[in-house]
Protein backbone atom coordinates (compact mmCIF):
# COMPACT_ATOMS: atom_id res chain seq x y z
CA UNK A 1 2.54 21.30 -19.96
CA UNK A 2 2.10 17.67 -18.88
CA UNK A 3 0.14 18.38 -15.70
CA UNK A 4 -2.69 16.15 -14.49
CA UNK A 5 -1.67 13.10 -16.47
CA UNK A 6 -2.03 9.88 -14.48
CA UNK A 7 0.60 7.27 -15.38
CA UNK A 8 1.96 4.17 -13.70
CA UNK A 9 5.71 4.70 -13.40
CA UNK A 10 8.36 2.30 -12.16
CA UNK A 11 9.87 3.33 -8.81
CA UNK A 12 13.20 4.20 -10.47
CA UNK A 13 11.60 6.77 -12.81
CA UNK A 14 9.42 8.52 -10.23
CA UNK A 15 11.76 11.43 -9.43
CA UNK A 16 11.79 12.38 -13.14
CA UNK A 17 8.02 12.09 -13.41
CA UNK A 18 7.56 14.24 -10.29
CA UNK A 19 9.83 16.94 -11.74
CA UNK A 20 7.64 17.01 -14.85
CA UNK A 21 4.52 17.45 -12.71
CA UNK A 22 3.08 14.07 -13.67
CA UNK A 23 0.74 12.47 -11.15
CA UNK A 24 1.99 9.02 -10.23
CA UNK A 25 -0.27 6.06 -9.64
CA UNK A 26 1.08 3.51 -7.19
CA UNK A 27 -0.16 -0.02 -6.79
CA UNK A 28 -1.30 -0.54 -3.19
CA UNK A 29 -2.42 -3.99 -2.06
CA UNK A 30 -3.66 -5.04 1.37
CA UNK A 31 -4.22 -8.67 2.34
CA UNK A 32 -7.01 -9.04 4.91
CA UNK A 33 -9.37 -11.48 6.55
CA UNK A 34 -12.99 -11.08 7.59
CA UNK A 35 -13.72 -9.83 11.12
CA UNK A 36 -10.11 -8.74 11.67
CA UNK A 37 -9.87 -5.59 13.82
CA UNK A 38 -6.28 -4.96 12.72
CA UNK A 39 -7.34 -5.18 9.06
CA UNK A 40 -10.13 -2.69 9.73
CA UNK A 41 -7.69 -0.33 11.45
CA UNK A 42 -5.17 -0.56 8.60
CA UNK A 43 -7.84 0.02 5.95
CA UNK A 44 -9.17 2.98 7.93
CA UNK A 45 -5.72 4.56 7.87
CA UNK A 46 -5.39 3.99 4.12
CA UNK A 47 -8.91 5.37 3.60
CA UNK A 48 -8.00 8.48 5.60
CA UNK A 49 -5.13 9.05 3.17
CA UNK A 50 -7.52 8.93 0.22
CA UNK A 51 -5.52 6.28 -1.62
CA UNK A 52 -6.97 3.61 -3.85
CA UNK A 53 -5.98 0.10 -2.90
CA UNK A 54 -6.76 -3.46 -3.86
CA UNK A 55 -8.00 -5.61 -1.00
CA UNK A 56 -7.33 -9.34 -1.16
CA UNK A 57 -9.41 -11.28 1.34
CA UNK A 58 -7.51 -14.43 2.32
CA UNK A 59 -10.12 -15.72 4.78
CA UNK A 60 -11.11 -18.71 2.65
CA UNK A 61 -8.35 -18.58 0.05
CA UNK A 62 -5.37 -20.73 1.03
CA UNK A 63 -3.54 -19.97 -2.23
CA UNK A 64 -3.66 -16.20 -1.70
CA UNK A 65 -2.77 -16.67 1.98
CA UNK A 66 0.35 -18.64 0.98
CA UNK A 67 1.18 -15.96 -1.59
CA UNK A 68 0.87 -13.26 1.09
CA UNK A 69 3.00 -15.26 3.54
CA UNK A 70 5.77 -15.77 1.00
CA UNK A 71 5.78 -12.10 0.00
CA UNK A 72 5.57 -10.68 3.52
CA UNK A 73 7.45 -13.35 5.45
CA UNK A 74 4.52 -13.47 7.87
CA UNK A 75 1.21 -15.30 8.17
CA UNK A 76 -0.56 -12.54 10.10
CA UNK A 77 -2.96 -10.07 8.52
CA UNK A 78 -3.14 -7.41 7.37
CA UNK A 79 -0.08 -7.10 5.15
CA UNK A 80 0.36 -4.00 3.00
CA UNK A 81 2.38 -3.71 -0.20
CA UNK A 82 3.17 -0.70 -2.37
CA UNK A 83 4.37 -1.46 -5.89
CA UNK A 84 5.15 -5.00 -4.78
CA UNK A 85 7.25 -3.87 -1.82
CA UNK A 86 6.11 -4.94 1.63
CA UNK A 87 5.70 -1.87 3.84
CA UNK A 88 4.28 -3.63 6.88
CA UNK A 89 1.34 -4.91 8.84
CA UNK A 90 -1.15 -2.79 10.79
CA UNK A 91 1.36 -1.74 13.43
CA UNK A 92 3.99 -1.20 10.76
CA UNK A 93 1.98 1.26 8.69
CA UNK A 94 0.84 3.10 11.81
CA UNK A 95 4.50 3.38 12.83
CA UNK A 96 5.31 4.84 9.39
CA UNK A 97 2.47 7.32 9.91
CA UNK A 98 3.80 8.26 13.36
CA UNK A 99 7.26 8.84 11.85
CA UNK A 100 5.70 11.02 9.15
CA UNK A 101 6.82 8.84 6.24
CA UNK A 102 3.69 6.86 5.35
CA UNK A 103 2.59 9.42 2.75
CA UNK A 104 5.95 9.10 1.02
CA UNK A 105 5.65 5.30 1.03
CA UNK A 106 2.15 5.56 -0.44
CA UNK A 107 3.30 7.91 -3.17
CA UNK A 108 1.25 10.87 -1.92
CA UNK A 109 3.97 12.99 -0.33
CA UNK A 110 4.11 16.53 -1.62
């Protein structure tokens, strides 16, 4: 059986991988700045979910800040992406959690 294999799958192939019992690794990225209470709150929520994420600090990095703004359509931080898809800012991911769909967006829904 193919259980407990960790593979990065494209979004379109995830239902097949889940049927086979393959654990799916999603790419989670959060853009932050130093001393940002909203960034801290968003990271705390992600930490509570036990997911691994890449944090990109844009405090002193204008290039990454522009990249974030173009991808998210917003200059505010934090901005959270899963597999390259923007899922929201701090309020946005807390709203997803309140609706009960954040786990699904993070690829951890059972």
